[in-house]
Amino acid sequence: MYELKPIDWRKSFYGKATVTKNGDILTLTSYTTKVASYNEATKELKVNGWYSNTTARHIRSFLDFCGLANMTKQEMKAGNYITK
């Protein structure tokens, strides 16, 4: 399990955003909710929901963690995954 680091000016998410790895699957947990997963083998991103502005910040940091460029909600829904 990894504690997700912010990509903005914040120092930390204070343990409220974590990433777990199970095989090729990276899963983002925001607070206690699994909000996104990324399959490193198939390059497939799945976002389960945008619950708050804080969760959106967690998702953006998760994209960076996975090596994906920042993208809009519409781009994520369309499956337009661009690597950095």
PDB file of N, CA and C in Angstrom:
ATOM      1  N   MET A   1       0.845  -1.168   0.000  1.00  0.00           N
ATOM      2  CA  MET A   1       0.000   0.000   0.000  1.00  0.00           C
ATOM      3  C   MET A   1       0.898   1.241   0.000  1.00  0.00           C
ATOM      4  N   TYR A   2       0.511   2.218  -0.794  1.00  0.00           N
ATOM      5  CA  TYR A   2       1.248   3.465  -0.900  1.00  0.00           C
ATOM      6  C   TYR A   2       0.351   4.618  -0.463  1.00  0.00           C
ATOM      7  N   GLU A   3       0.915   5.578   0.246  1.00  0.00           N
ATOM      8  CA  GLU A   3       0.173   6.793   0.539  1.00  0.00           C
ATOM      9  C   GLU A   3       0.342   7.716  -0.663  1.00  0.00           C
ATOM     10  N   LEU A   4      -0.756   8.126  -1.238  1.00  0.00           N
ATOM     11  CA  LEU A   4      -0.722   8.971  -2.423  1.00  0.00           C
ATOM     12  C   LEU A   4      -0.237  10.365  -2.054  1.00  0.00           C
ATOM     13  N   LYS A   5       0.637  10.916  -2.879  1.00  0.00           N
ATOM     14  CA  LYS A   5       1.177  12.257  -2.654  1.00  0.00           C
ATOM     15  C   LYS A   5       0.474  13.254  -3.565  1.00  0.00           C
ATOM     16  N   PRO A   6       0.188  14.448  -3.081  1.00  0.00           N
ATOM     17  CA  PRO A   6      -0.445  15.472  -3.916  1.00  0.00           C
ATOM     18  C   PRO A   6       0.485  15.952  -5.026  1.00  0.00           C
ATOM     19  N   ILE A   7      -0.114  16.414  -6.117  1.00  0.00           N
ATOM     20  CA  ILE A   7       0.681  16.982  -7.208  1.00  0.00           C
ATOM     21  C   ILE A   7       0.583  18.503  -7.201  1.00  0.00           C
ATOM     22  N   ASP A   8      -0.145  19.045  -6.246  1.00  0.00           N
ATOM     23  CA  ASP A   8      -0.268  20.501  -6.146  1.00  0.00           C
ATOM     24  C   ASP A   8       0.565  20.996  -4.961  1.00  0.00           C
ATOM     25  N   TRP A   9       0.246  22.125  -4.439  1.00  0.00           N
ATOM     26  CA  TRP A   9       1.014  22.762  -3.372  1.00  0.00           C
ATOM     27  C   TRP A   9       0.859  22.094  -2.006  1.00  0.00           C
ATOM     28  N   ARG A  10      -0.092  21.197  -1.868  1.00  0.00           N
ATOM     29  CA  ARG A  10      -0.308  20.557  -0.567  1.00  0.00           C
ATOM     30  C   ARG A  10       0.859  19.644  -0.210  1.00  0.00           C
ATOM     31  N   LYS A  11       1.138  19.535   1.065  1.00  0.00           N
ATOM     32  CA  LYS A  11       2.235  18.691   1.522  1.00  0.00           C
ATOM     33  C   LYS A  11       1.845  17.222   1.538  1.00  0.00           C
ATOM     34  N   SER A  12       0.574  16.947   1.875  1.00  0.00           N
ATOM     35  CA  SER A  12       0.149  15.566   2.055  1.00  0.00           C
ATOM     36  C   SER A  12      -1.373  15.481   2.006  1.00  0.00           C
ATOM     37  N   PHE A  13      -1.871  14.275   1.736  1.00  0.00           N
ATOM     38  CA  PHE A  13      -3.301  14.001   1.883  1.00  0.00           C
ATOM     39  C   PHE A  13      -3.583  13.416   3.275  1.00  0.00           C
ATOM     40  N   TYR A  14      -2.553  13.330   4.099  1.00  0.00           N
ATOM     41  CA  TYR A  14      -2.663  12.880   5.481  1.00  0.00           C
ATOM     42  C   TYR A  14      -3.316  11.506   5.607  1.00  0.00           C
ATOM     43  N   GLY A  15      -2.916  10.595   4.705  1.00  0.00           N
ATOM     44  CA  GLY A  15      -3.395   9.218   4.774  1.00  0.00           C
ATOM     45  C   GLY A  15      -4.805   9.007   4.272  1.00  0.00           C
ATOM     46  N   LYS A  16      -5.417  10.033   3.715  1.00  0.00           N
ATOM     47  CA  LYS A  16      -6.804   9.915   3.250  1.00  0.00           C
ATOM     48  C   LYS A  16      -6.910   9.374   1.830  1.00  0.00           C
ATOM     49  N   ALA A  17      -5.782   9.251   1.142  1.00  0.00           N
ATOM     50  CA  ALA A  17      -5.764   8.686  -0.214  1.00  0.00           C
ATOM     51  C   ALA A  17      -4.624   7.672  -0.289  1.00  0.00           C
ATOM     52  N   THR A  18      -4.975   6.430  -0.590  1.00  0.00           N
ATOM     53  CA  THR A  18      -3.972   5.375  -0.682  1.00  0.00           C
ATOM     54  C   THR A  18      -4.128   4.606  -1.991  1.00  0.00           C
ATOM     55  N   VAL A  19      -3.020   4.003  -2.407  1.00  0.00           N
ATOM     56  CA  VAL A  19      -3.007   3.172  -3.605  1.00  0.00           C
ATOM     57  C   VAL A  19      -2.540   1.785  -3.192  1.00  0.00           C
ATOM     58  N   THR A  20      -3.311   0.776  -3.586  1.00  0.00           N
ATOM     59  CA  THR A  20      -2.910  -0.610  -3.361  1.00  0.00           C
ATOM     60  C   THR A  20      -2.673  -1.269  -4.703  1.00  0.00           C
ATOM     61  N   LYS A  21      -1.761  -2.232  -4.711  1.00  0.00           N
ATOM     62  CA  LYS A  21      -1.448  -2.954  -5.945  1.00  0.00           C
ATOM     63  C   LYS A  21      -1.726  -4.425  -5.740  1.00  0.00           C
ATOM     64  N   ASN A  22      -2.488  -4.996  -6.684  1.00  0.00           N
ATOM     65  CA  ASN A  22      -2.796  -6.421  -6.670  1.00  0.00           C
ATOM     66  C   ASN A  22      -2.541  -6.914  -8.085  1.00  0.00           C
ATOM     67  N   GLY A  23      -1.393  -7.538  -8.303  1.00  0.00           N
ATOM     68  CA  GLY A  23      -1.011  -7.936  -9.654  1.00  0.00           C
ATOM     69  C   GLY A  23      -0.767  -6.687 -10.495  1.00  0.00           C
ATOM     70  N   ASP A  24      -1.486  -6.583 -11.607  1.00  0.00           N
ATOM     71  CA  ASP A  24      -1.354  -5.431 -12.493  1.00  0.00           C
ATOM     72  C   ASP A  24      -2.339  -4.314 -12.167  1.00  0.00           C
ATOM     73  N   ILE A  25      -3.160  -4.501 -11.155  1.00  0.00           N
ATOM     74  CA  ILE A  25      -4.223  -3.546 -10.842  1.00  0.00           C
ATOM     75  C   ILE A  25      -3.803  -2.620  -9.700  1.00  0.00           C
ATOM     76  N   LEU A  26      -3.826  -1.317  -9.983  1.00  0.00           N
ATOM     77  CA  LEU A  26      -3.620  -0.292  -8.966  1.00  0.00           C
ATOM     78  C   LEU A  26      -4.993   0.252  -8.591  1.00  0.00           C
ATOM     79  N   THR A  27      -5.282   0.349  -7.303  1.00  0.00           N
ATOM     80  CA  THR A  27      -6.581   0.826  -6.847  1.00  0.00           C
ATOM     81  C   THR A  27      -6.401   2.030  -5.938  1.00  0.00           C
ATOM     82  N   LEU A  28      -7.132   3.093  -6.247  1.00  0.00           N
ATOM     83  CA  LEU A  28      -7.139   4.300  -5.429  1.00  0.00           C
ATOM     84  C   LEU A  28      -8.290   4.232  -4.443  1.00  0.00           C
ATOM     85  N   THR A  29      -7.964   4.387  -3.172  1.00  0.00           N
ATOM     86  CA  THR A  29      -8.980   4.487  -2.133  1.00  0.00           C
ATOM     87  C   THR A  29      -8.905   5.891  -1.555  1.00  0.00           C
ATOM     88  N   SER A  30     -10.021   6.597  -1.627  1.00  0.00           N
ATOM     89  CA  SER A  30     -10.133   7.948  -1.088  1.00  0.00           C
ATOM     90  C   SER A  30     -11.011   7.858   0.152  1.00  0.00           C
ATOM     91  N   TYR A  31     -10.421   8.210   1.280  1.00  0.00           N
ATOM     92  CA  TYR A  31     -11.059   7.983   2.579  1.00  0.00           C
ATOM     93  C   TYR A  31     -11.289   6.476   2.702  1.00  0.00           C
ATOM     94  N   THR A  32     -12.486   5.966   2.621  1.00  0.00           N
ATOM     95  CA  THR A  32     -12.705   4.511   2.701  1.00  0.00           C
ATOM     96  C   THR A  32     -13.380   3.978   1.443  1.00  0.00           C
ATOM     97  N   THR A  33     -13.448   4.795   0.391  1.00  0.00           N
ATOM     98  CA  THR A  33     -14.153   4.419  -0.832  1.00  0.00           C
ATOM     99  C   THR A  33     -13.172   4.158  -1.963  1.00  0.00           C
ATOM    100  N   LYS A  34     -13.326   3.017  -2.639  1.00  0.00           N
ATOM    101  CA  LYS A  34     -12.511   2.721  -3.819  1.00  0.00           C
ATOM    102  C   LYS A  34     -13.066   3.540  -4.980  1.00  0.00           C
ATOM    103  N   VAL A  35     -12.316   4.559  -5.391  1.00  0.00           N
ATOM    104  CA  VAL A  35     -12.839   5.485  -6.399  1.00  0.00           C
ATOM    105  C   VAL A  35     -12.283   5.262  -7.795  1.00  0.00           C
ATOM    106  N   ALA A  36     -11.136   4.600  -7.918  1.00  0.00           N
ATOM    107  CA  ALA A  36     -10.570   4.395  -9.253  1.00  0.00           C
ATOM    108  C   ALA A  36      -9.629   3.205  -9.241  1.00  0.00           C
ATOM    109  N   SER A  37      -9.449   2.627 -10.428  1.00  0.00           N
ATOM    110  CA  SER A  37      -8.466   1.561 -10.591  1.00  0.00           C
ATOM    111  C   SER A  37      -7.817   1.708 -11.959  1.00  0.00           C
ATOM    112  N   TYR A  38      -6.598   1.209 -12.051  1.00  0.00           N
ATOM    113  CA  TYR A  38      -5.847   1.274 -13.305  1.00  0.00           C
ATOM    114  C   TYR A  38      -5.165  -0.068 -13.514  1.00  0.00           C
ATOM    115  N   ASN A  39      -5.396  -0.665 -14.678  1.00  0.00           N
ATOM    116  CA  ASN A  39      -4.771  -1.932 -15.034  1.00  0.00           C
ATOM    117  C   ASN A  39      -3.524  -1.614 -15.839  1.00  0.00           C
ATOM    118  N   GLU A  40      -2.357  -1.877 -15.259  1.00  0.00           N
ATOM    119  CA  GLU A  40      -1.092  -1.561 -15.926  1.00  0.00           C
ATOM    120  C   GLU A  40      -0.873  -2.403 -17.185  1.00  0.00           C
ATOM    121  N   ALA A  41      -1.422  -3.601 -17.231  1.00  0.00           N
ATOM    122  CA  ALA A  41      -1.236  -4.476 -18.394  1.00  0.00           C
ATOM    123  C   ALA A  41      -2.072  -4.022 -19.582  1.00  0.00           C
ATOM    124  N   THR A  42      -3.335  -3.713 -19.337  1.00  0.00           N
ATOM    125  CA  THR A  42      -4.238  -3.336 -20.433  1.00  0.00           C
ATOM    126  C   THR A  42      -4.350  -1.825 -20.616  1.00  0.00           C
ATOM    127  N   LYS A  43      -3.748  -1.062 -19.689  1.00  0.00           N
ATOM    128  CA  LYS A  43      -3.798   0.415 -19.712  1.00  0.00           C
ATOM    129  C   LYS A  43      -5.222   0.940 -19.584  1.00  0.00           C
ATOM    130  N   GLU A  44      -6.063   0.217 -18.855  1.00  0.00           N
ATOM    131  CA  GLU A  44      -7.458   0.612 -18.689  1.00  0.00           C
ATOM    132  C   GLU A  44      -7.656   1.300 -17.344  1.00  0.00           C
ATOM    133  N   LEU A  45      -8.265   2.477 -17.398  1.00  0.00           N
ATOM    134  CA  LEU A  45      -8.587   3.247 -16.206  1.00  0.00           C
ATOM    135  C   LEU A  45     -10.086   3.171 -15.964  1.00  0.00           C
ATOM    136  N   LYS A  46     -10.461   2.942 -14.715  1.00  0.00           N
ATOM    137  CA  LYS A  46     -11.878   2.929 -14.358  1.00  0.00           C
ATOM    138  C   LYS A  46     -12.065   3.857 -13.168  1.00  0.00           C
ATOM    139  N   VAL A  47     -12.942   4.837 -13.315  1.00  0.00           N
ATOM    140  CA  VAL A  47     -13.272   5.742 -12.220  1.00  0.00           C
ATOM    141  C   VAL A  47     -14.692   5.417 -11.782  1.00  0.00           C
ATOM    142  N   ASN A  48     -14.849   5.103 -10.519  1.00  0.00           N
ATOM    143  CA  ASN A  48     -16.155   4.695  -9.997  1.00  0.00           C
ATOM    144  C   ASN A  48     -17.054   5.867  -9.661  1.00  0.00           C
ATOM    145  N   GLY A  49     -16.479   7.055  -9.497  1.00  0.00           N
ATOM    146  CA  GLY A  49     -17.299   8.216  -9.204  1.00  0.00           C
ATOM    147  C   GLY A  49     -16.480   9.399  -8.754  1.00  0.00           C
ATOM    148  N   TRP A  50     -17.045  10.568  -8.980  1.00  0.00           N
ATOM    149  CA  TRP A  50     -16.447  11.825  -8.537  1.00  0.00           C
ATOM    150  C   TRP A  50     -17.328  12.317  -7.393  1.00  0.00           C
ATOM    151  N   TYR A  51     -16.879  12.099  -6.185  1.00  0.00           N
ATOM    152  CA  TYR A  51     -17.715  12.326  -5.019  1.00  0.00           C
ATOM    153  C   TYR A  51     -17.588  13.732  -4.436  1.00  0.00           C
ATOM    154  N   SER A  52     -16.432  14.339  -4.602  1.00  0.00           N
ATOM    155  CA  SER A  52     -16.202  15.658  -4.026  1.00  0.00           C
ATOM    156  C   SER A  52     -15.000  16.293  -4.711  1.00  0.00           C
ATOM    157  N   ASN A  53     -14.753  17.559  -4.397  1.00  0.00           N
ATOM    158  CA  ASN A  53     -13.556  18.215  -4.930  1.00  0.00           C
ATOM    159  C   ASN A  53     -12.290  17.540  -4.418  1.00  0.00           C
ATOM    160  N   THR A  54     -12.321  17.083  -3.178  1.00  0.00           N
ATOM    161  CA  THR A  54     -11.161  16.390  -2.616  1.00  0.00           C
ATOM    162  C   THR A  54     -10.906  15.088  -3.354  1.00  0.00           C
ATOM    163  N   THR A  55     -11.958  14.339  -3.631  1.00  0.00           N
ATOM    164  CA  THR A  55     -11.809  13.095  -4.388  1.00  0.00           C
ATOM    165  C   THR A  55     -11.256  13.379  -5.784  1.00  0.00           C
ATOM    166  N   ALA A  56     -11.686  14.458  -6.401  1.00  0.00           N
ATOM    167  CA  ALA A  56     -11.167  14.837  -7.711  1.00  0.00           C
ATOM    168  C   ALA A  56      -9.659  15.112  -7.634  1.00  0.00           C
ATOM    169  N   ARG A  57      -9.202  15.758  -6.569  1.00  0.00           N
ATOM    170  CA  ARG A  57      -7.758  15.985  -6.385  1.00  0.00           C
ATOM    171  C   ARG A  57      -7.031  14.653  -6.215  1.00  0.00           C
ATOM    172  N   HIS A  58      -7.653  13.730  -5.480  1.00  0.00           N
ATOM    173  CA  HIS A  58      -7.050  12.405  -5.310  1.00  0.00           C
ATOM    174  C   HIS A  58      -6.937  11.707  -6.661  1.00  0.00           C
ATOM    175  N   ILE A  59      -7.972  11.796  -7.485  1.00  0.00           N
ATOM    176  CA  ILE A  59      -7.958  11.148  -8.805  1.00  0.00           C
ATOM    177  C   ILE A  59      -6.864  11.752  -9.673  1.00  0.00           C
ATOM    178  N   ARG A  60      -6.723  13.078  -9.671  1.00  0.00           N
ATOM    179  CA  ARG A  60      -5.669  13.712 -10.473  1.00  0.00           C
ATOM    180  C   ARG A  60      -4.285  13.247 -10.025  1.00  0.00           C
ATOM    181  N   SER A  61      -4.075  13.122  -8.724  1.00  0.00           N
ATOM    182  CA  SER A  61      -2.790  12.620  -8.217  1.00  0.00           C
ATOM    183  C   SER A  61      -2.596  11.151  -8.581  1.00  0.00           C
ATOM    184  N   PHE A  62      -3.680  10.386  -8.591  1.00  0.00           N
ATOM    185  CA  PHE A  62      -3.627   8.978  -8.988  1.00  0.00           C
ATOM    186  C   PHE A  62      -3.213   8.854 -10.460  1.00  0.00           C
ATOM    187  N   LEU A  63      -3.753   9.723 -11.311  1.00  0.00           N
ATOM    188  CA  LEU A  63      -3.353   9.717 -12.724  1.00  0.00           C
ATOM    189  C   LEU A  63      -1.850   9.920 -12.842  1.00  0.00           C
ATOM    190  N   ASP A  64      -1.318  10.880 -12.095  1.00  0.00           N
ATOM    191  CA  ASP A  64       0.117  11.143 -12.103  1.00  0.00           C
ATOM    192  C   ASP A  64       0.885   9.928 -11.599  1.00  0.00           C
ATOM    193  N   PHE A  65       0.416   9.302 -10.532  1.00  0.00           N
ATOM    194  CA  PHE A  65       1.041   8.116  -9.957  1.00  0.00           C
ATOM    195  C   PHE A  65       1.119   6.988 -10.995  1.00  0.00           C
ATOM    196  N   CYS A  66       0.067   6.874 -11.819  1.00  0.00           N
ATOM    197  CA  CYS A  66      -0.002   5.819 -12.838  1.00  0.00           C
ATOM    198  C   CYS A  66       0.763   6.173 -14.111  1.00  0.00           C
ATOM    199  N   GLY A  67       1.308   7.392 -14.170  1.00  0.00           N
ATOM    200  CA  GLY A  67       2.052   7.807 -15.361  1.00  0.00           C
ATOM    201  C   GLY A  67       1.161   8.337 -16.468  1.00  0.00           C
ATOM    202  N   LEU A  68      -0.057   8.721 -16.115  1.00  0.00           N
ATOM    203  CA  LEU A  68      -0.995   9.270 -17.084  1.00  0.00           C
ATOM    204  C   LEU A  68      -1.024  10.787 -16.969  1.00  0.00           C
ATOM    205  N   ALA A  69      -1.262  11.437 -18.091  1.00  0.00           N
ATOM    206  CA  ALA A  69      -1.392  12.885 -18.088  1.00  0.00           C
ATOM    207  C   ALA A  69      -2.703  13.274 -17.430  1.00  0.00           C
ATOM    208  N   ASN A  70      -2.749  14.483 -16.880  1.00  0.00           N
ATOM    209  CA  ASN A  70      -3.988  14.986 -16.300  1.00  0.00           C
ATOM    210  C   ASN A  70      -5.042  15.086 -17.399  1.00  0.00           C
ATOM    211  N   MET A  71      -6.267  14.736 -17.099  1.00  0.00           N
ATOM    212  CA  MET A  71      -7.332  14.803 -18.095  1.00  0.00           C
ATOM    213  C   MET A  71      -8.640  15.200 -17.439  1.00  0.00           C
ATOM    214  N   THR A  72      -9.554  15.622 -18.271  1.00  0.00           N
ATOM    215  CA  THR A  72     -10.862  16.034 -17.768  1.00  0.00           C
ATOM    216  C   THR A  72     -11.716  14.805 -17.488  1.00  0.00           C
ATOM    217  N   LYS A  73     -12.799  15.052 -16.786  1.00  0.00           N
ATOM    218  CA  LYS A  73     -13.763  13.989 -16.504  1.00  0.00           C
ATOM    219  C   LYS A  73     -14.284  13.388 -17.811  1.00  0.00           C
ATOM    220  N   GLN A  74     -14.572  14.236 -18.781  1.00  0.00           N
ATOM    221  CA  GLN A  74     -15.077  13.761 -20.076  1.00  0.00           C
ATOM    222  C   GLN A  74     -14.042  12.896 -20.798  1.00  0.00           C
ATOM    223  N   GLU A  75     -12.767  13.286 -20.722  1.00  0.00           N
ATOM    224  CA  GLU A  75     -11.710  12.479 -21.346  1.00  0.00           C
ATOM    225  C   GLU A  75     -11.584  11.123 -20.667  1.00  0.00           C
ATOM    226  N   MET A  76     -11.708  11.098 -19.341  1.00  0.00           N
ATOM    227  CA  MET A  76     -11.643   9.819 -18.622  1.00  0.00           C
ATOM    228  C   MET A  76     -12.803   8.922 -19.016  1.00  0.00           C
ATOM    229  N   LYS A  77     -14.005   9.506 -19.104  1.00  0.00           N
ATOM    230  CA  LYS A  77     -15.176   8.722 -19.484  1.00  0.00           C
ATOM    231  C   LYS A  77     -15.045   8.177 -20.903  1.00  0.00           C
ATOM    232  N   ALA A  78     -14.409   8.951 -21.798  1.00  0.00           N
ATOM    233  CA  ALA A  78     -14.250   8.537 -23.186  1.00  0.00           C
ATOM    234  C   ALA A  78     -13.121   7.542 -23.389  1.00  0.00           C
ATOM    235  N   GLY A  79     -12.285   7.356 -22.358  1.00  0.00           N
ATOM    236  CA  GLY A  79     -11.181   6.414 -22.474  1.00  0.00           C
ATOM    237  C   GLY A  79      -9.975   6.970 -23.194  1.00  0.00           C
ATOM    238  N   ASN A  80      -9.812   8.281 -23.179  1.00  0.00           N
ATOM    239  CA  ASN A  80      -8.663   8.921 -23.839  1.00  0.00           C
ATOM    240  C   ASN A  80      -7.506   9.018 -22.868  1.00  0.00           C
ATOM    241  N   TYR A  81      -6.776   7.945 -22.683  1.00  0.00           N
ATOM    242  CA  TYR A  81      -5.699   7.898 -21.709  1.00  0.00           C
ATOM    243  C   TYR A  81      -4.392   8.237 -22.392  1.00  0.00           C
ATOM    244  N   ILE A  82      -3.780   9.311 -21.962  1.00  0.00           N
ATOM    245  CA  ILE A  82      -2.534   9.770 -22.555  1.00  0.00           C
ATOM    246  C   ILE A  82      -1.448   9.631 -21.518  1.00  0.00           C
ATOM    247  N   THR A  83      -0.381   8.937 -21.861  1.00  0.00           N
ATOM    248  CA  THR A  83       0.733   8.800 -20.924  1.00  0.00           C
ATOM    249  C   THR A  83       1.600  10.034 -20.999  1.00  0.00           C
ATOM    250  N   LYS A  84       2.277  10.311 -19.889  1.00  0.00           N
ATOM    251  CA  LYS A  84       3.144  11.496 -19.809  1.00  0.00           C
ATOM    252  C   LYS A  84       4.422  11.255 -20.571  1.00  0.00           C
TER     253      LYS A  84
END
